[in-house]
Amino acid sequence: MKRLFCSIVLLAITITLFSQPKPVSIEKKGSGAPVMLLPGFGCPGAVWNEYSSGLKNYQVHQVSYAGFNQLPAIDTPWYKSLRDALIDYIKKEDLKNLHLIGHSMGGNLATEIAASLPDRVSKLVIVDALPCMREIMTPGMSASQLTYDNPYNNQMLAMDQQAMAKYVKMMADNMTLEPARSATIQEWMMQADRKTFVYGYTELLKMDLRDELKKINIPVLILGASFPDRKTTEATFQAQYVNLPDKMISISNNSKHFIMFDDAGWMNNSISQYFAK
């Protein structure tokens, strides 16, 4: 009887472990040198659909994150689980000569992957991302001061759908020049698991990858948005990426945060030229 009970418990634990939601979902298509496309916070891998449709002679790995894109949520710490899952995936798939492209938070993940797997990553494109967002968004605040349980987060968690939709619209309108694209971003963010949306952002604010940049020795392409103005953006990028040994910083002439929507031709051409080098 005791043996039967132990077997049932072991089976239950095994089923639970294997039924846990995965941190990432990855769509693989094509053949050639591998390109991994990492979306920003709140967005599905589909944010890269138009760009990836033009990628010929590449094997494309298009990533979506748990809690977004209507995928099941996972427990905190959320960001670390994404990073570790992506590193495990790259090793399992034995990806070499990997080209990483990350937008916003995806740029942070790409940075950490490149720093962790220098023998596998040959190209790194960072699209409007900062290694320490906290320095810009909450200046003077330390990482230790940012906790999951705080009045702002609790207010966000308690918002009804109408209040959340208003908040998300304000965010999205500030991130693209195109009203139709803003509506798409709003739809994606409203589909997000609320706790992932709130606590995940806290994890991003706590992050500081500036020391990790010292581990990256390949030439890196950094693309920035011109909003609010080119001079401010370039100065911020130069300061935040000072520890990156070999970098090319290029600023769009007419774009907010979602450069792949506002200035797609310029972005695509910039990446193509960098890949060709």
Protein backbone atom coordinates (compact mmCIF):
# COMPACT_ATOMS: atom_id res chain seq x y z
CA MET A 1 0.00 0.00 0.00
CA LYS A 2 2.82 2.39 0.93
CA ARG A 3 4.60 1.60 -2.34
CA LEU A 4 1.40 2.27 -4.30
CA PHE A 5 0.94 5.63 -2.52
CA CYS A 6 4.55 6.66 -3.30
CA SER A 7 4.08 5.71 -6.95
CA ILE A 8 0.91 7.84 -7.19
CA VAL A 9 2.67 10.82 -5.60
CA LEU A 10 5.65 10.45 -7.94
CA LEU A 11 3.32 10.25 -10.96
CA ALA A 12 1.46 13.37 -9.83
CA ILE A 13 4.72 15.31 -9.41
CA THR A 14 5.92 14.17 -12.85
CA ILE A 15 2.65 15.21 -14.52
CA THR A 16 2.78 18.59 -12.76
CA LEU A 17 6.36 19.22 -13.86
CA PHE A 18 5.68 18.36 -17.49
CA SER A 19 2.44 20.38 -17.59
CA GLN A 20 4.06 23.66 -16.47
CA PRO A 21 3.70 26.42 -19.07
CA LYS A 22 6.84 27.07 -21.08
CA PRO A 23 8.59 30.45 -20.72
CA VAL A 24 8.84 30.93 -24.50
CA SER A 25 7.13 29.76 -27.67
CA ILE A 26 9.29 29.72 -30.82
CA GLU A 27 8.18 29.42 -34.43
CA LYS A 28 10.95 28.10 -36.68
CA LYS A 29 10.88 28.42 -40.46
CA GLY A 30 13.24 28.55 -43.43
CA SER A 31 16.84 27.44 -43.77
CA GLY A 32 20.26 29.06 -43.68
CA ALA A 33 22.06 31.05 -41.02
CA PRO A 34 19.82 31.28 -37.93
CA VAL A 35 18.13 34.58 -37.08
CA MET A 36 16.32 34.93 -33.75
CA LEU A 37 13.71 37.68 -33.53
CA LEU A 38 12.88 38.87 -30.02
CA PRO A 39 9.85 41.14 -29.46
CA GLY A 40 9.51 43.86 -26.87
CA PHE A 41 7.49 43.89 -23.68
CA GLY A 42 3.80 43.13 -24.13
CA CYS A 43 4.21 42.10 -27.76
CA PRO A 44 3.97 38.75 -29.54
CA GLY A 45 6.50 37.46 -32.03
CA ALA A 46 4.10 38.74 -34.69
CA VAL A 47 5.56 42.22 -34.24
CA TRP A 48 8.34 40.91 -36.52
CA ASN A 49 6.05 39.35 -39.17
CA GLU A 50 6.60 41.97 -41.86
CA TYR A 51 10.36 41.98 -41.33
CA SER A 52 10.67 38.19 -41.21
CA SER A 53 8.68 37.78 -44.44
CA GLY A 54 11.57 39.46 -46.25
CA LEU A 55 14.27 37.27 -44.72
CA LYS A 56 15.41 34.94 -47.47
CA ASN A 57 18.14 32.31 -47.08
CA TYR A 58 17.86 32.45 -43.29
CA GLN A 59 16.42 30.09 -40.71
CA VAL A 60 14.08 32.31 -38.67
CA HIS A 61 13.33 31.67 -35.00
CA GLN A 62 10.45 33.99 -34.03
CA VAL A 63 9.89 34.19 -30.27
CA SER A 64 6.83 34.91 -28.11
CA TYR A 65 6.84 35.10 -24.31
CA ALA A 66 4.74 33.43 -21.61
CA GLY A 67 1.91 35.69 -20.46
CA PHE A 68 1.78 37.49 -23.82
CA ASN A 69 0.36 36.45 -27.19
CA GLN A 70 -2.37 34.60 -25.24
CA LEU A 71 0.23 32.13 -23.95
CA PRO A 72 -0.16 30.75 -20.39
CA ALA A 73 1.61 32.79 -17.71
CA ILE A 74 4.51 31.53 -15.61
CA ASP A 75 5.64 32.39 -12.09
CA THR A 76 8.07 35.17 -11.20
CA PRO A 77 10.91 35.83 -11.75
CA TRP A 78 9.56 36.01 -15.28
CA TYR A 79 12.36 37.69 -17.27
CA LYS A 80 15.08 35.37 -15.92
CA SER A 81 12.99 32.36 -16.97
CA LEU A 82 12.70 33.74 -20.51
CA ARG A 83 16.45 34.34 -20.73
CA ASP A 84 17.36 30.89 -19.42
CA ALA A 85 14.84 29.17 -21.70
CA LEU A 86 16.23 30.97 -24.76
CA ILE A 87 19.81 30.05 -23.88
CA ASP A 88 18.74 26.40 -23.39
CA TYR A 89 16.91 26.45 -26.73
CA ILE A 90 19.94 27.79 -28.60
CA LYS A 91 22.12 25.05 -27.08
CA LYS A 92 19.56 22.32 -27.73
CA GLU A 93 19.10 23.40 -31.35
CA ASP A 94 22.89 23.76 -31.61
CA LEU A 95 22.52 27.17 -33.26
CA LYS A 96 25.79 28.66 -34.48
CA ASN A 97 26.58 31.86 -36.37
CA LEU A 98 23.40 33.14 -34.70
CA HIS A 99 22.02 36.54 -35.72
CA LEU A 100 20.09 38.13 -32.84
CA ILE A 101 17.62 40.99 -33.35
CA GLY A 102 15.77 42.34 -30.33
CA HIS A 103 13.36 45.22 -29.95
CA SER A 104 13.02 46.99 -26.57
CA MET A 105 13.06 44.25 -23.91
CA GLY A 106 14.00 41.84 -26.68
CA GLY A 107 17.18 43.88 -27.07
CA ASN A 108 17.97 43.21 -23.41
CA LEU A 109 17.45 39.48 -23.90
CA ALA A 110 19.62 39.57 -27.03
CA THR A 111 22.34 41.38 -25.06
CA GLU A 112 22.36 38.75 -22.33
CA ILE A 113 22.36 35.88 -24.81
CA ALA A 114 25.28 37.40 -26.74
CA ALA A 115 27.20 37.89 -23.48
CA SER A 116 26.47 34.32 -22.34
CA LEU A 117 27.09 32.53 -25.66
CA PRO A 118 29.91 34.44 -27.40
CA ASP A 119 30.93 31.39 -29.42
CA ARG A 120 27.47 31.04 -30.95
CA VAL A 121 26.42 34.65 -31.68
CA SER A 122 27.94 36.42 -34.69
CA LYS A 123 25.52 39.36 -35.16
CA LEU A 124 23.62 41.48 -32.64
CA VAL A 125 21.03 44.13 -33.50
CA ILE A 126 19.49 46.15 -30.68
CA VAL A 127 16.38 48.09 -31.69
CA ASP A 128 15.53 50.98 -29.34
CA ALA A 129 16.51 49.26 -26.11
CA LEU A 130 18.49 50.44 -23.07
CA PRO A 131 20.61 48.23 -20.78
CA CYS A 132 19.40 50.20 -17.74
CA MET A 133 15.91 51.56 -18.34
CA ARG A 134 15.58 52.50 -14.67
CA GLU A 135 18.12 55.30 -15.05
CA ILE A 136 15.81 57.03 -17.54
CA MET A 137 12.37 56.02 -16.26
CA THR A 138 12.92 56.34 -12.48
CA PRO A 139 16.14 58.35 -12.01
CA GLY A 140 17.64 58.19 -8.55
CA MET A 141 15.82 54.98 -7.60
CA SER A 142 17.84 51.86 -6.81
CA ALA A 143 16.92 48.36 -7.92
CA SER A 144 16.32 47.32 -4.30
CA GLN A 145 13.66 50.00 -3.95
CA LEU A 146 11.61 48.41 -6.72
CA THR A 147 9.41 45.63 -5.36
CA TYR A 148 6.46 43.68 -6.74
CA ASP A 149 4.26 44.80 -3.86
CA ASN A 150 3.98 48.58 -4.19
CA PRO A 151 1.05 51.03 -4.49
CA TYR A 152 1.50 51.57 -8.25
CA ASN A 153 1.56 47.84 -9.04
CA ASN A 154 -1.40 47.16 -6.77
CA GLN A 155 -3.37 49.89 -8.51
CA MET A 156 -2.51 48.40 -11.90
CA LEU A 157 -3.58 44.93 -10.81
CA ALA A 158 -6.89 46.28 -9.51
CA MET A 159 -7.79 48.24 -12.68
CA ASP A 160 -10.95 47.18 -14.49
CA GLN A 161 -10.78 46.53 -18.23
CA GLN A 162 -12.03 50.01 -19.14
CA ALA A 163 -9.37 51.75 -17.04
CA MET A 164 -6.70 49.38 -18.33
CA ALA A 165 -7.72 50.04 -21.94
CA LYS A 166 -7.37 53.79 -21.38
CA TYR A 167 -3.92 53.31 -19.84
CA VAL A 168 -2.77 51.02 -22.65
CA LYS A 169 -4.03 53.44 -25.32
CA MET A 170 -1.96 56.24 -23.81
CA MET A 171 1.12 53.99 -23.82
CA ALA A 172 0.64 52.76 -27.38
CA ASP A 173 -0.08 56.21 -28.82
CA ASN A 174 3.29 57.36 -27.46
CA MET A 175 5.14 54.45 -29.09
CA THR A 176 4.18 54.75 -32.78
CA LEU A 177 3.32 57.47 -35.25
CA GLU A 178 0.62 55.34 -36.89
CA PRO A 179 -2.89 55.23 -35.31
CA ALA A 180 -3.67 51.84 -36.90
CA ARG A 181 -0.43 50.40 -35.48
CA SER A 182 -1.29 51.87 -32.08
CA ALA A 183 -4.58 49.98 -32.16
CA THR A 184 -2.69 46.74 -32.85
CA ILE A 185 -0.29 47.35 -29.97
CA GLN A 186 -3.24 48.10 -27.69
CA GLU A 187 -4.88 44.82 -28.66
CA TRP A 188 -1.70 42.89 -27.88
CA MET A 189 -1.29 44.53 -24.49
CA MET A 190 -4.92 44.00 -23.53
CA GLN A 191 -4.46 40.28 -24.25
CA ALA A 192 -1.54 40.11 -21.81
CA ASP A 193 -1.78 38.35 -18.50
CA ARG A 194 -2.21 41.23 -16.04
CA LYS A 195 0.25 40.00 -13.43
CA THR A 196 2.90 39.35 -16.10
CA PHE A 197 2.30 42.84 -17.49
CA VAL A 198 2.66 44.50 -14.08
CA TYR A 199 5.36 42.43 -12.40
CA GLY A 200 7.32 41.90 -15.62
CA TYR A 201 7.71 45.65 -16.01
CA THR A 202 9.04 45.86 -12.45
CA GLU A 203 11.67 43.28 -13.35
CA LEU A 204 12.71 45.35 -16.35
CA LEU A 205 13.12 48.46 -14.21
CA LYS A 206 15.34 46.54 -11.79
CA MET A 207 17.64 45.41 -14.61
CA ASP A 208 21.09 46.85 -15.28
CA LEU A 209 23.07 45.11 -18.05
CA ARG A 210 25.77 47.75 -18.48
CA ASP A 211 28.51 45.50 -17.07
CA GLU A 212 27.35 42.63 -19.32
CA LEU A 213 28.21 44.77 -22.36
CA LYS A 214 31.93 44.34 -21.61
CA LYS A 215 31.61 40.63 -22.48
CA ILE A 216 30.43 41.29 -26.05
CA ASN A 217 33.27 41.53 -28.56
CA ILE A 218 31.40 41.38 -31.88
CA PRO A 219 30.38 44.58 -33.70
CA VAL A 220 26.87 45.55 -32.55
CA LEU A 221 24.28 47.55 -34.47
CA ILE A 222 22.12 49.80 -32.28
CA LEU A 223 19.08 51.42 -33.90
CA GLY A 224 17.32 54.24 -32.08
CA ALA A 225 14.08 56.19 -32.54
CA SER A 226 14.23 59.90 -33.28
CA PHE A 227 11.47 60.64 -30.75
CA PRO A 228 11.62 62.91 -28.78
CA ASP A 229 14.63 64.11 -30.81
CA ARG A 230 17.75 62.65 -32.43
CA LYS A 231 20.22 64.52 -30.23
CA THR A 232 18.65 63.28 -26.98
CA THR A 233 18.38 59.71 -28.22
CA GLU A 234 21.97 59.55 -29.44
CA ALA A 235 23.34 61.06 -26.22
CA THR A 236 21.37 58.55 -24.15
CA PHE A 237 22.55 55.61 -26.24
CA GLN A 238 26.18 56.73 -26.16
CA ALA A 239 26.04 57.00 -22.35
CA GLN A 240 24.21 53.73 -21.75
CA TYR A 241 26.31 51.67 -24.17
CA VAL A 242 29.69 53.16 -23.23
CA ASN A 243 30.88 49.72 -22.06
CA LEU A 244 30.19 48.11 -25.43
CA PRO A 245 33.59 47.86 -27.18
CA ASP A 246 32.47 47.80 -30.82
CA LYS A 247 29.19 49.51 -31.67
CA MET A 248 27.44 51.38 -34.46
CA ILE A 249 24.65 53.69 -33.30
CA SER A 250 22.19 54.87 -35.93
CA ILE A 251 19.08 56.99 -35.32
CA SER A 252 15.93 56.94 -37.45
CA ASN A 253 14.83 60.23 -38.97
CA ASN A 254 11.15 59.76 -38.21
CA SER A 255 10.13 57.19 -35.66
CA LYS A 256 8.82 56.54 -32.21
CA HIS A 257 9.62 53.36 -30.27
CA PHE A 258 8.23 50.86 -32.80
CA ILE A 259 10.75 51.53 -35.55
CA MET A 260 9.63 48.42 -37.47
CA PHE A 261 6.27 50.17 -37.93
CA ASP A 262 7.28 53.83 -38.31
CA ASP A 263 10.46 53.52 -40.38
CA ALA A 264 10.53 49.94 -41.61
CA GLY A 265 12.43 50.62 -44.84
CA TRP A 266 15.26 52.35 -43.01
CA MET A 267 15.43 49.66 -40.34
CA ASN A 268 15.41 46.80 -42.85
CA ASN A 269 18.11 48.44 -44.96
CA SER A 270 20.30 49.16 -41.91
CA ILE A 271 20.10 45.54 -40.75
CA SER A 272 20.73 44.17 -44.27
CA GLN A 273 23.89 46.24 -44.63
CA TYR A 274 25.10 45.12 -41.20
CA PHE A 275 24.40 41.44 -41.97
CA ALA A 276 26.32 41.76 -45.22
CA LYS A 277 29.52 42.94 -43.53
